[in-house]
């Protein structure tokens, strides 16, 4: 029996005994048995006994799990409305702080400002499988269409607690291979979010060969549930298309022959942990492990999707105000309206000349209102200190990739000596560090399209594109 299983069984035993005490016999326990969820939550917050507290937590989570969608939503609303900060205590703490700014007053202010539901969630976490159930609770919260202040306040509490509970220090990295227990391999198939795994034979092709690796992070309270996993191809060069990586007829190499580790799929497994950052730790840990075991590896790159590119491009095409999209380019882009354009050699050639500079703009210039890169995958890798290395036209011809990115894929380069500087450039100056090849897709001399770097241009971006890319659709 594993340590995690022993701990879970022990918690279950204590909880069962607590339930026997709590829900049998006395008038007080009869009240508990008939109480609604709000009353049980109040009882849990006032509970002092370990066994009774675990029993109450288990009862609340069991009842919550049995609720229909509307009832579960009502429960989340109740957490916000009834278990916020005690405003009377908070007002008093604020008044005390105004007259005494010592450490004791600051501590009291901090404690008074904390919503009661944070302590409630901590106590619910004591129940057997409490962590997993709370992750599912947040998953339901995130799937809600409610975007009120209450929604954001409750999610902030979950995020605050989960960021501590799923701290890197609690996570363990495990290699996943063909000898891993089947119940975990089934979850790798289920959770793969980037390149679908059609079944066991395809999974074997991704795990069994000598030039393939897979790693996953696990948490002790979710012992058999991977949190995030990464699939790695060991190659002699940087691939530009996912077909080259997944081709079952490819020429396999030994691990010692490889010079490049390609992270071609990173999948978050738990929707309830969305936004809790541990994927960056995963990459750094895997790089360290691979360097230790395979000293011949020199390059660490990704082959990544671009899930936001097609949506951005459609918005740009629909707008008449974008100066960088002249009529000739708009005409060429009408090829994209034909679902078979990638199979038309002439169409693909025309689209490639137009699409690559637009993709460069999407990554290097366009920003969210908060000043961040538009693409979510780009935000992840660039925020971790990677360099935008190469844009790969039709790197993925799958239906999903054509819908999301017009088939575009990207290589991000993790050069260990530059990671910190690259991260700081993005965090402090909003600058995306990219290779010269990517930057050359833009007009190097046009200040207005270079993000205001002070260089004076001789020709605007639109003229460069018109002269370089030629006319419209033929």
Protein backbone atom coordinates (compact mmCIF):
# COMPACT_ATOMS: atom_id res chain seq x y z
CA UNK A 1 0.00 0.00 0.00
CA UNK A 2 1.34 3.45 -0.95
CA UNK A 3 1.77 6.23 1.60
CA UNK A 4 -0.99 8.22 -0.15
CA UNK A 5 -3.42 5.26 0.06
CA UNK A 6 -2.59 4.68 3.72
CA UNK A 7 -3.18 8.36 4.51
CA UNK A 8 -6.49 8.38 2.62
CA UNK A 9 -7.67 5.23 4.42
CA UNK A 10 -6.72 6.73 7.77
CA UNK A 11 -8.68 9.93 7.01
CA UNK A 12 -11.66 7.87 5.92
CA UNK A 13 -11.57 5.86 9.16
CA UNK A 14 -11.47 9.01 11.31
CA UNK A 15 -14.28 10.54 9.24
CA UNK A 16 -16.47 7.46 9.58
CA UNK A 17 -16.09 7.50 13.36
CA UNK A 18 -16.85 11.20 13.43
CA UNK A 19 -20.02 10.63 11.43
CA UNK A 20 -21.15 7.96 13.85
CA UNK A 21 -20.79 10.46 16.68
CA UNK A 22 -22.25 13.37 14.80
CA UNK A 23 -25.27 11.89 13.09
CA UNK A 24 -26.65 9.41 15.61
CA UNK A 25 -28.46 9.76 18.89
CA UNK A 26 -28.51 13.14 20.54
CA UNK A 27 -30.71 16.11 19.78
CA UNK A 28 -27.70 18.09 18.55
CA UNK A 29 -26.75 15.36 16.11
CA UNK A 30 -30.34 15.11 14.91
CA UNK A 31 -30.17 18.83 14.12
CA UNK A 32 -26.97 18.20 12.13
CA UNK A 33 -28.56 15.38 10.18
CA UNK A 34 -31.49 17.59 9.12
CA UNK A 35 -29.53 20.82 8.61
CA UNK A 36 -29.22 22.50 5.23
CA UNK A 37 -25.84 23.12 3.64
CA UNK A 38 -25.49 26.67 4.92
CA UNK A 39 -26.11 25.51 8.49
CA UNK A 40 -23.63 22.66 8.10
CA UNK A 41 -21.02 25.13 6.83
CA UNK A 42 -21.59 27.33 9.90
CA UNK A 43 -21.27 24.24 12.12
CA UNK A 44 -18.01 23.30 10.39
CA UNK A 45 -16.53 26.76 10.99
CA UNK A 46 -17.42 26.58 14.68
CA UNK A 47 -16.33 22.95 15.10
CA UNK A 48 -13.38 22.25 17.39
CA UNK A 49 -13.18 18.45 17.24
CA UNK A 50 -10.95 16.81 14.62
CA UNK A 51 -13.22 13.84 13.92
CA UNK A 52 -16.47 15.82 13.96
CA UNK A 53 -14.94 18.49 11.73
CA UNK A 54 -13.83 15.91 9.15
CA UNK A 55 -17.28 14.29 9.33
CA UNK A 56 -18.99 17.63 8.71
CA UNK A 57 -16.63 18.41 5.83
CA UNK A 58 -17.33 15.03 4.24
CA UNK A 59 -21.08 15.46 4.68
CA UNK A 60 -21.03 18.89 3.05
CA UNK A 61 -18.97 17.69 0.09
CA UNK A 62 -21.08 14.56 -0.35
CA UNK A 63 -24.27 16.62 -0.39
CA UNK A 64 -22.71 19.13 -2.77
CA UNK A 65 -21.66 16.31 -5.10
CA UNK A 66 -25.25 15.03 -5.23
CA UNK A 67 -26.67 18.41 -6.27
CA UNK A 68 -27.97 19.07 -9.76
CA UNK A 69 -26.33 21.87 -11.73
CA UNK A 70 -28.69 24.60 -10.48
CA UNK A 71 -28.33 23.49 -6.86
CA UNK A 72 -24.54 23.42 -7.10
CA UNK A 73 -24.62 26.91 -8.59
CA UNK A 74 -26.82 28.09 -5.72
CA UNK A 75 -24.29 26.63 -3.27
CA UNK A 76 -21.46 28.64 -4.87
CA UNK A 77 -23.59 31.78 -4.71
CA UNK A 78 -24.24 31.08 -1.02
CA UNK A 79 -20.49 30.80 -0.36
CA UNK A 80 -20.04 34.31 -1.68
CA UNK A 81 -23.10 35.89 -0.08
CA UNK A 82 -22.96 34.30 3.38
CA UNK A 83 -19.29 33.58 4.01
CA UNK A 84 -17.47 36.78 3.14
CA UNK A 85 -15.46 38.89 5.57
CA UNK A 86 -17.08 39.87 8.88
CA UNK A 87 -17.66 43.55 8.10
CA UNK A 88 -18.08 44.48 11.77
CA UNK A 89 -14.68 43.05 12.67
CA UNK A 90 -13.16 44.55 9.52
CA UNK A 91 -14.45 48.06 10.33
CA UNK A 92 -13.06 47.75 13.84
CA UNK A 93 -9.70 46.52 12.58
CA UNK A 94 -9.49 49.40 10.09
CA UNK A 95 -10.25 51.91 12.85
CA UNK A 96 -7.60 50.37 15.13
CA UNK A 97 -5.05 50.47 12.32
CA UNK A 98 -5.67 54.17 11.76
CA UNK A 99 -4.58 54.90 15.33
CA UNK A 100 -1.97 52.16 15.72
CA UNK A 101 0.04 51.00 12.74
CA UNK A 102 2.03 48.42 14.68
CA UNK A 103 2.44 44.80 13.62
CA UNK A 104 -0.37 43.59 15.88
CA UNK A 105 -2.85 45.97 14.22
CA UNK A 106 -1.65 44.89 10.76
CA UNK A 107 -2.11 41.21 11.66
CA UNK A 108 -5.58 41.89 13.01
CA UNK A 109 -6.49 43.82 9.86
CA UNK A 110 -5.26 40.97 7.67
CA UNK A 111 -7.26 38.40 9.62
CA UNK A 112 -10.42 40.50 9.58
CA UNK A 113 -10.16 41.11 5.82
CA UNK A 114 -9.97 37.40 5.00
CA UNK A 115 -13.35 36.05 3.83
CA UNK A 116 -14.73 33.34 6.10
CA UNK A 117 -15.10 31.05 3.10
CA UNK A 118 -11.31 30.70 2.89
CA UNK A 119 -11.25 29.01 6.28
CA UNK A 120 -14.33 27.04 5.27
CA UNK A 121 -12.53 25.75 2.16
CA UNK A 122 -9.49 24.85 4.27
CA UNK A 123 -11.69 22.77 6.57
CA UNK A 124 -13.52 21.13 3.68
CA UNK A 125 -10.11 20.11 2.40
CA UNK A 126 -9.70 17.91 5.49
CA UNK A 127 -12.34 15.48 4.25
CA UNK A 128 -11.24 12.30 2.46
CA UNK A 129 -10.67 13.22 -1.21
CA UNK A 130 -11.48 16.79 -0.18
CA UNK A 131 -8.83 18.29 -2.44
CA UNK A 132 -10.14 16.52 -5.52
CA UNK A 133 -13.71 17.57 -4.74
CA UNK A 134 -12.71 21.20 -4.24
CA UNK A 135 -10.87 21.13 -7.58
CA UNK A 136 -14.10 19.92 -9.18
CA UNK A 137 -15.99 22.66 -7.34
CA UNK A 138 -13.75 25.32 -8.89
CA UNK A 139 -14.11 23.61 -12.26
CA UNK A 140 -17.85 24.17 -11.99
CA UNK A 141 -17.26 27.77 -10.95
CA UNK A 142 -15.07 28.40 -14.00
CA UNK A 143 -17.66 26.85 -16.30
CA UNK A 144 -20.33 29.22 -14.98
CA UNK A 145 -21.52 32.03 -17.21
CA UNK A 146 -21.78 34.26 -14.15
CA UNK A 147 -19.15 37.00 -14.35
CA UNK A 148 -20.34 39.06 -11.38
CA UNK A 149 -18.17 40.49 -8.63
CA UNK A 150 -19.20 37.52 -6.52
CA UNK A 151 -17.87 35.10 -9.13
CA UNK A 152 -14.50 36.87 -9.26
CA UNK A 153 -14.27 37.15 -5.46
CA UNK A 154 -14.96 33.44 -4.96
CA UNK A 155 -12.50 32.46 -7.69
CA UNK A 156 -9.88 34.69 -6.08
CA UNK A 157 -10.29 32.68 -2.86
CA UNK A 158 -9.91 29.37 -4.68
CA UNK A 159 -6.90 30.66 -6.59
CA UNK A 160 -5.26 31.96 -3.41
CA UNK A 161 -5.63 28.62 -1.63
CA UNK A 162 -4.78 26.41 -4.61
CA UNK A 163 -1.63 28.41 -5.31
CA UNK A 164 -0.43 27.36 -1.85
CA UNK A 165 -1.75 23.80 -1.88
CA UNK A 166 -0.26 23.09 -5.30
CA UNK A 167 3.03 24.81 -4.62
CA UNK A 168 5.95 23.35 -6.59
CA UNK A 169 7.39 21.97 -3.35
CA UNK A 170 4.43 19.56 -3.06
CA UNK A 171 4.61 18.29 -6.64
CA UNK A 172 6.50 15.22 -7.79
CA UNK A 173 7.74 14.63 -11.33
CA UNK A 174 7.25 11.13 -12.67
CA UNK A 175 8.28 9.69 -16.04
CA UNK A 176 5.39 8.15 -17.95
CA UNK A 177 6.29 5.19 -20.15
CA UNK A 178 4.73 2.04 -21.54
CA UNK A 179 5.24 0.27 -18.19
CA UNK A 180 3.25 2.91 -16.24
CA UNK A 181 0.04 1.45 -14.70
CA UNK A 182 -2.84 1.32 -17.17
CA UNK A 183 -5.16 3.45 -15.03
CA UNK A 184 -2.70 6.36 -15.37
CA UNK A 185 -2.09 5.73 -19.07
CA UNK A 186 -5.85 5.90 -19.63
CA UNK A 187 -5.80 9.39 -18.17
CA UNK A 188 -2.97 10.44 -20.50
CA UNK A 189 -5.20 9.43 -23.42
CA UNK A 190 -8.19 11.22 -21.87
CA UNK A 191 -6.41 14.46 -20.97
CA UNK A 192 -4.28 14.95 -24.11
CA UNK A 193 -5.46 18.38 -25.22
CA UNK A 194 -3.13 19.31 -28.09
CA UNK A 195 -2.80 16.28 -30.39
CA UNK A 196 -5.52 13.73 -29.78
CA UNK A 197 -4.44 10.18 -28.93
CA UNK A 198 -6.78 7.87 -30.84
CA UNK A 199 -6.18 4.79 -28.70
CA UNK A 200 -3.72 2.44 -27.04
CA UNK A 201 -1.66 1.74 -30.16
CA UNK A 202 -1.11 5.44 -30.79
CA UNK A 203 -0.20 5.95 -27.14
CA UNK A 204 2.35 3.15 -27.43
CA UNK A 205 3.95 4.94 -30.39
CA UNK A 206 4.32 8.06 -28.24
CA UNK A 207 5.76 6.32 -25.20
CA UNK A 208 7.58 3.12 -26.16
CA UNK A 209 10.25 4.18 -28.71
CA UNK A 210 13.72 5.07 -27.49
CA UNK A 211 13.42 8.59 -28.93
CA UNK A 212 10.27 9.45 -26.98
CA UNK A 213 9.75 10.68 -23.42
CA UNK A 214 6.77 11.76 -21.32
CA UNK A 215 6.72 13.36 -17.86
CA UNK A 216 3.91 14.37 -15.51
CA UNK A 217 3.49 16.30 -12.27
CA UNK A 218 1.53 14.64 -9.45
CA UNK A 219 0.28 15.92 -6.09
CA UNK A 220 0.13 13.72 -2.97
CA UNK A 221 -3.57 14.45 -2.40
CA UNK A 222 -4.35 13.55 -6.04
CA UNK A 223 -1.97 10.63 -6.13
CA UNK A 224 -3.17 8.92 -9.31
CA UNK A 225 -4.31 12.05 -11.15
CA UNK A 226 -1.69 13.78 -13.34
CA UNK A 227 -1.91 17.55 -13.05
CA UNK A 228 -0.02 18.39 -16.22
CA UNK A 229 2.12 16.32 -18.57
CA UNK A 230 4.50 16.97 -21.42
CA UNK A 231 5.36 14.76 -24.39
CA UNK A 232 8.91 15.00 -25.70
CA UNK A 233 10.46 13.89 -28.99
CA UNK A 234 14.22 13.37 -29.16
CA UNK A 235 15.47 14.41 -32.60
CA UNK A 236 18.54 15.44 -34.58
CA UNK A 237 17.01 18.75 -35.69
CA UNK A 238 14.20 21.19 -34.92
CA UNK A 239 11.00 19.95 -36.60
CA UNK A 240 8.69 22.32 -38.45
CA UNK A 241 5.62 20.07 -38.73
CA UNK A 242 3.84 17.86 -36.23
CA UNK A 243 3.43 15.18 -38.90
CA UNK A 244 7.21 14.65 -38.84
CA UNK A 245 7.06 14.05 -35.09
CA UNK A 246 4.03 11.75 -34.99
CA UNK A 247 4.68 9.83 -38.23
CA UNK A 248 4.70 6.15 -37.26
CA UNK A 249 6.92 5.41 -40.27
CA UNK A 250 9.63 7.88 -39.27
CA UNK A 251 13.22 6.74 -38.88
CA UNK A 252 13.69 6.21 -35.16
CA UNK A 253 16.95 7.07 -33.45
CA UNK A 254 18.53 6.12 -30.16
CA UNK A 255 18.39 8.61 -27.33
CA UNK A 256 22.17 9.08 -27.48
CA UNK A 257 21.95 10.18 -31.13
CA UNK A 258 19.59 13.05 -30.30
CA UNK A 259 20.77 16.65 -30.14
CA UNK A 260 17.33 18.25 -29.68
CA UNK A 261 14.50 17.74 -27.21
CA UNK A 262 11.17 18.84 -28.67
CA UNK A 263 8.27 19.59 -26.31
CA UNK A 264 5.41 18.95 -28.71
CA UNK A 265 2.45 18.67 -26.35
CA UNK A 266 1.79 20.14 -22.91
CA UNK A 267 -1.62 19.28 -21.48
CA UNK A 268 -3.24 20.53 -18.29
CA UNK A 269 -5.34 17.72 -16.89
CA UNK A 270 -7.48 19.42 -14.26
CA UNK A 271 -9.81 22.17 -15.47
CA UNK A 272 -10.35 23.19 -11.85
CA UNK A 273 -6.66 24.16 -11.62
CA UNK A 274 -6.75 26.47 -14.64
CA UNK A 275 -4.57 29.49 -13.99
CA UNK A 276 -2.59 27.78 -11.20
CA UNK A 277 0.88 27.94 -12.69
CA UNK A 278 2.98 24.82 -12.49
CA UNK A 279 3.50 24.09 -16.19
CA UNK A 280 6.55 26.36 -16.19
CA UNK A 281 8.09 24.33 -13.37
CA UNK A 282 7.38 21.18 -15.35
CA UNK A 283 9.42 22.34 -18.35
CA UNK A 284 12.36 23.47 -16.23
CA UNK A 285 12.38 20.21 -14.26
CA UNK A 286 12.18 18.10 -17.42
CA UNK A 287 15.02 20.07 -19.03
CA UNK A 288 17.17 19.45 -15.95
CA UNK A 289 16.37 15.74 -15.96
CA UNK A 290 17.01 15.34 -19.69
CA UNK A 291 20.32 17.22 -19.52
CA UNK A 292 21.44 15.00 -16.69
CA UNK A 293 20.50 11.74 -18.43
CA UNK A 294 21.37 12.77 -22.02
CA UNK A 295 24.34 15.17 -22.03
CA UNK A 296 24.35 15.16 -25.85
CA UNK A 297 21.20 17.28 -25.95
CA UNK A 298 22.01 20.85 -27.01
CA UNK A 299 18.66 22.34 -28.04
CA UNK A 300 15.40 22.50 -26.09
CA UNK A 301 12.50 23.70 -28.22
CA UNK A 302 8.75 23.39 -28.54
CA UNK A 303 6.54 22.66 -31.51
CA UNK A 304 3.52 24.61 -30.37
CA UNK A 305 0.01 25.40 -31.62
CA UNK A 306 -1.23 28.95 -32.13
CA UNK A 307 -4.82 28.66 -30.90
CA UNK A 308 -5.74 32.35 -31.15
CA UNK A 309 -4.35 33.22 -34.58
CA UNK A 310 -7.35 32.36 -36.80
CA UNK A 311 -9.73 34.24 -34.50
CA UNK A 312 -7.51 37.35 -34.58
CA UNK A 313 -7.11 37.12 -38.36
CA UNK A 314 -10.86 36.80 -38.89
CA UNK A 315 -11.41 39.91 -36.77
CA UNK A 316 -8.78 41.82 -38.74
CA UNK A 317 -10.31 40.77 -42.05
CA UNK A 318 -13.77 41.83 -40.88
CA UNK A 319 -12.53 45.30 -39.94
CA UNK A 320 -12.12 48.09 -42.47
CA UNK A 321 -9.86 50.17 -40.21
CA UNK A 322 -6.65 48.10 -40.17
CA UNK A 323 -4.11 50.09 -42.21
CA UNK A 324 -1.70 47.16 -42.45
CA UNK A 325 -4.17 45.05 -44.47
CA UNK A 326 -4.44 46.62 -47.97
CA UNK A 327 -6.87 45.36 -50.59
CA UNK A 328 -4.33 43.15 -52.37
CA UNK A 329 -3.63 41.23 -49.18
CA UNK A 330 -7.33 41.00 -48.32
CA UNK A 331 -7.90 39.51 -51.76
CA UNK A 332 -5.18 36.91 -51.25
CA UNK A 333 -6.64 35.97 -47.88
CA UNK A 334 -9.93 35.01 -49.54
CA UNK A 335 -8.23 31.72 -50.37
CA UNK A 336 -8.73 30.87 -46.69
CA UNK A 337 -12.49 30.73 -47.28
CA UNK A 338 -11.98 27.59 -49.36
CA UNK A 339 -11.62 24.66 -46.91
CA UNK A 340 -9.37 22.85 -49.42
CA UNK A 341 -6.86 25.67 -49.82
CA UNK A 342 -3.95 23.78 -48.20
CA UNK A 343 -4.17 21.14 -50.95
CA UNK A 344 -4.03 23.75 -53.70
CA UNK A 345 -0.33 24.34 -54.40
CA UNK A 346 -0.83 27.79 -55.90
CA UNK A 347 -3.23 28.89 -53.16
CA UNK A 348 -0.90 27.63 -50.43
CA UNK A 349 2.03 29.51 -51.96
CA UNK A 350 0.06 32.76 -52.16
CA UNK A 351 -1.32 32.40 -48.64
CA UNK A 352 2.11 31.60 -47.18
CA UNK A 353 3.62 34.85 -48.46
CA UNK A 354 0.81 36.84 -46.84
CA UNK A 355 0.22 34.82 -43.71
CA UNK A 356 3.77 34.63 -42.31
CA UNK A 357 4.22 38.44 -42.00
CA UNK A 358 0.75 38.68 -40.46
CA UNK A 359 1.65 35.96 -37.99
CA UNK A 360 4.83 37.85 -37.11
CA UNK A 361 2.73 40.91 -36.41
CA UNK A 362 0.31 38.84 -34.31
CA UNK A 363 3.18 37.75 -32.06
CA UNK A 364 5.44 40.80 -32.03
CA UNK A 365 3.07 43.75 -32.10
CA UNK A 366 -0.51 42.91 -31.21
CA UNK A 367 -1.38 42.96 -27.50
CA UNK A 368 -4.29 42.42 -25.14
CA UNK A 369 -5.71 45.50 -23.35
CA UNK A 370 -3.39 44.55 -20.46
CA UNK A 371 -0.36 44.71 -22.77
CA UNK A 372 0.23 40.95 -22.98
CA UNK A 373 0.75 38.82 -26.12
CA UNK A 374 -2.56 37.82 -27.65
CA UNK A 375 -1.87 34.12 -27.96
CA UNK A 376 -2.33 32.06 -24.73
CA UNK A 377 0.38 29.54 -25.65
CA UNK A 378 2.74 32.40 -26.49
CA UNK A 379 2.03 34.02 -23.12
CA UNK A 380 2.98 30.76 -21.41
CA UNK A 381 6.27 30.10 -23.21
CA UNK A 382 7.41 33.70 -23.61
CA UNK A 383 6.55 34.34 -19.97
CA UNK A 384 8.78 31.41 -19.05
CA UNK A 385 11.71 32.99 -20.89
CA UNK A 386 11.58 31.19 -24.22
CA UNK A 387 12.47 32.90 -27.51
CA UNK A 388 10.10 32.97 -30.48
CA UNK A 389 12.34 31.04 -32.84
CA UNK A 390 10.43 30.09 -36.00
CA UNK A 391 6.98 30.30 -37.59
CA UNK A 392 6.00 27.11 -39.40
CA UNK A 393 3.47 27.49 -42.21
CA UNK A 394 1.06 24.53 -42.35
CA UNK A 395 2.93 22.86 -39.54
CA UNK A 396 -0.31 21.14 -38.58
CA UNK A 397 -2.90 20.23 -41.23
CA UNK A 398 -5.43 18.75 -38.81
CA UNK A 399 -8.97 20.14 -38.88
CA UNK A 400 -8.54 21.59 -35.39
CA UNK A 401 -5.30 23.39 -36.28
CA UNK A 402 -6.70 24.79 -39.51
CA UNK A 403 -9.72 26.14 -37.62
CA UNK A 404 -7.67 27.66 -34.80
CA UNK A 405 -4.47 28.76 -36.54
CA UNK A 406 -4.79 28.25 -40.31
CA UNK A 407 -2.35 25.38 -39.75
CA UNK A 408 0.37 27.58 -38.25
CA UNK A 409 2.77 26.16 -35.65
CA UNK A 410 5.63 27.78 -33.75
CA UNK A 411 8.99 26.78 -32.35
CA UNK A 412 9.88 28.42 -29.02
CA UNK A 413 13.53 28.03 -28.01
CA UNK A 414 14.53 27.52 -24.39
CA UNK A 415 18.14 28.67 -24.24
CA UNK A 416 19.07 28.33 -20.60
CA UNK A 417 21.54 31.23 -20.51
CA UNK A 418 18.90 33.63 -21.86
CA UNK A 419 15.73 32.56 -20.04
CA UNK A 420 15.92 35.17 -17.27
CA UNK A 421 16.72 38.05 -19.66
CA UNK A 422 13.93 37.02 -22.05
CA UNK A 423 11.43 36.81 -19.21
CA UNK A 424 12.43 40.25 -17.90
CA UNK A 425 12.17 41.79 -21.37
CA UNK A 426 8.55 40.69 -21.61
CA UNK A 427 7.63 41.39 -17.99
CA UNK A 428 9.29 44.80 -17.70
CA UNK A 429 9.14 46.21 -21.25
CA UNK A 430 6.47 44.12 -22.95
CA UNK A 431 9.07 43.06 -25.54
CA UNK A 432 8.84 39.68 -27.25
CA UNK A 433 12.30 38.28 -27.84
CA UNK A 434 12.34 36.68 -31.28
CA UNK A 435 14.91 35.33 -33.73
CA UNK A 436 16.12 37.53 -36.60
CA UNK A 437 14.22 35.27 -39.02
CA UNK A 438 10.93 36.09 -37.34
CA UNK A 439 11.69 39.80 -36.96
CA UNK A 440 12.71 40.03 -40.63
CA UNK A 441 9.15 39.18 -41.57
CA UNK A 442 8.27 42.69 -40.43
CA UNK A 443 9.59 45.92 -41.87
CA UNK A 444 12.74 46.41 -39.74
CA UNK A 445 12.76 50.17 -40.30
CA UNK A 446 9.12 51.20 -39.72
CA UNK A 447 8.90 52.63 -36.22
CA UNK A 448 5.13 52.52 -36.06
CA UNK A 449 5.11 48.79 -36.68
CA UNK A 450 8.21 47.99 -34.63
CA UNK A 451 6.60 48.98 -31.35
CA UNK A 452 8.20 52.43 -31.20
CA UNK A 453 11.86 51.42 -30.92
CA UNK A 454 13.14 54.73 -32.23
CA UNK A 455 14.28 53.59 -35.69
CA UNK A 456 13.16 55.71 -38.63
CA UNK A 457 11.75 53.83 -41.61
CA UNK A 458 12.08 54.41 -45.32
CA UNK A 459 8.93 52.56 -46.43
CA UNK A 460 5.81 51.63 -44.50
CA UNK A 461 4.84 48.06 -43.76
CA UNK A 462 2.03 48.03 -46.33
CA UNK A 463 4.40 49.00 -49.16
CA UNK A 464 6.86 46.32 -48.12
CA UNK A 465 4.09 43.72 -48.19
CA UNK A 466 2.67 44.91 -51.51
CA UNK A 467 6.03 44.87 -53.24
CA UNK A 468 7.32 41.69 -51.62
CA UNK A 469 4.17 39.61 -51.63
CA UNK A 470 2.82 40.64 -54.99
CA UNK A 471 -0.78 41.13 -55.96
CA UNK A 472 -3.93 39.41 -54.86
CA UNK A 473 -5.60 36.18 -55.73
CA UNK A 474 -4.98 34.83 -59.27
